[in-house]
Amino acid sequence: MILDMDMPFDVMPRGLPVPHCTQSKATNLLQRFKTGERGFCKRLTAQGYLKIDIGPFWRLLSKDGGRKWYLLQHATYNREIKK
């Protein structure tokens, strides 16, 4: 479920309530990523996924090199990186 048309990420699992502060932080970090800023995005070596930590409970994950991003709770993130 894409939250708003201007939100550049999808939320997994769909229908999950995401706090507004988490949405705005995720959007801000993606804008920084797209401008080429370095230091906060990590590449997971086993699969080549990209990961941005939003806080202790939320992660942004891209499985296609940064074209599409998913906002995941930490438990969902742990399941997704094992796929």
Protein backbone atom coordinates (compact mmCIF):
# COMPACT_ATOMS: atom_id res chain seq x y z
CA MET A 1 0.00 0.00 0.00
CA ILE A 2 1.48 3.32 -1.02
CA LEU A 3 0.47 5.79 1.66
CA ASP A 4 0.27 8.97 -0.40
CA MET A 5 1.03 9.65 -4.02
CA ASP A 6 4.10 11.63 -2.95
CA MET A 7 5.45 8.87 -0.69
CA PRO A 8 8.29 7.17 -2.59
CA PHE A 9 8.00 3.82 -0.81
CA ASP A 10 5.63 0.92 -0.30
CA VAL A 11 4.70 -0.37 3.17
CA MET A 12 4.92 -4.09 3.98
CA PRO A 13 2.79 -5.70 5.25
CA ARG A 14 0.05 -3.76 3.57
CA GLY A 15 -2.36 -1.91 5.83
CA LEU A 16 0.20 -1.50 8.58
CA PRO A 17 -0.24 1.81 10.44
CA VAL A 18 2.93 3.88 10.10
CA PRO A 19 3.51 6.88 12.39
CA HIS A 20 3.72 10.21 10.59
CA CYS A 21 7.19 10.93 12.02
CA THR A 22 8.44 7.62 10.58
CA GLN A 23 6.97 8.45 7.16
CA SER A 24 8.58 11.88 7.10
CA LYS A 25 11.97 10.55 8.23
CA ALA A 26 11.86 7.82 5.58
CA THR A 27 10.97 10.34 2.88
CA ASN A 28 13.77 12.66 3.99
CA LEU A 29 16.36 9.88 3.97
CA LEU A 30 15.27 8.71 0.51
CA GLN A 31 15.64 12.25 -0.82
CA ARG A 32 19.15 12.36 0.64
CA PHE A 33 19.92 8.99 -0.97
CA LYS A 34 18.68 10.19 -4.37
CA THR A 35 20.89 13.30 -4.20
CA GLY A 36 23.92 11.05 -3.73
CA GLU A 37 24.66 11.70 -0.07
CA ARG A 38 26.65 8.87 1.46
CA GLY A 39 27.11 7.29 4.85
CA PHE A 40 23.65 6.15 5.93
CA CYS A 41 22.72 3.56 3.28
CA LYS A 42 24.20 0.08 3.66
CA ARG A 43 24.52 -2.69 1.09
CA LEU A 44 23.77 -6.16 2.41
CA THR A 45 26.53 -8.25 0.87
CA ALA A 46 24.79 -11.62 0.65
CA GLN A 47 21.91 -10.50 -1.60
CA GLY A 48 23.04 -7.05 -2.72
CA TYR A 49 20.01 -5.38 -1.11
CA LEU A 50 20.17 -1.77 0.07
CA LYS A 51 19.09 -0.87 3.62
CA ILE A 52 18.42 2.41 5.40
CA ASP A 53 17.75 2.37 9.13
CA ILE A 54 14.84 4.68 10.04
CA GLY A 55 14.95 4.01 13.76
CA PRO A 56 15.08 1.06 16.13
CA PHE A 57 11.85 -0.45 14.74
CA TRP A 58 11.71 0.55 11.04
CA ARG A 59 13.86 -0.12 7.95
CA LEU A 60 13.78 0.88 4.31
CA LEU A 61 14.77 -2.02 2.04
CA SER A 62 15.43 -2.04 -1.70
CA LYS A 63 15.90 -5.29 -3.56
CA ASP A 64 16.56 -3.69 -6.95
CA GLY A 65 19.41 -1.28 -6.38
CA GLY A 66 17.35 1.63 -5.10
CA ARG A 67 14.56 1.87 -7.68
CA LYS A 68 11.77 0.63 -5.40
CA TRP A 69 11.82 0.90 -1.61
CA TYR A 70 9.80 -0.89 1.07
CA LEU A 71 9.18 0.48 4.55
CA LEU A 72 9.28 -2.49 6.93
CA GLN A 73 9.00 -3.11 10.62
CA HIS A 74 12.14 -4.73 11.98
CA ALA A 75 10.59 -8.21 12.27
CA THR A 76 9.31 -8.09 8.67
CA TYR A 77 12.70 -6.81 7.52
CA ASN A 78 14.43 -9.79 9.16
CA ARG A 79 12.14 -12.18 7.25
CA GLU A 80 12.59 -10.37 3.92
CA ILE A 81 16.38 -10.38 3.93
CA LYS A 82 16.40 -14.16 4.34
CA LYS A 83 14.38 -14.69 1.13
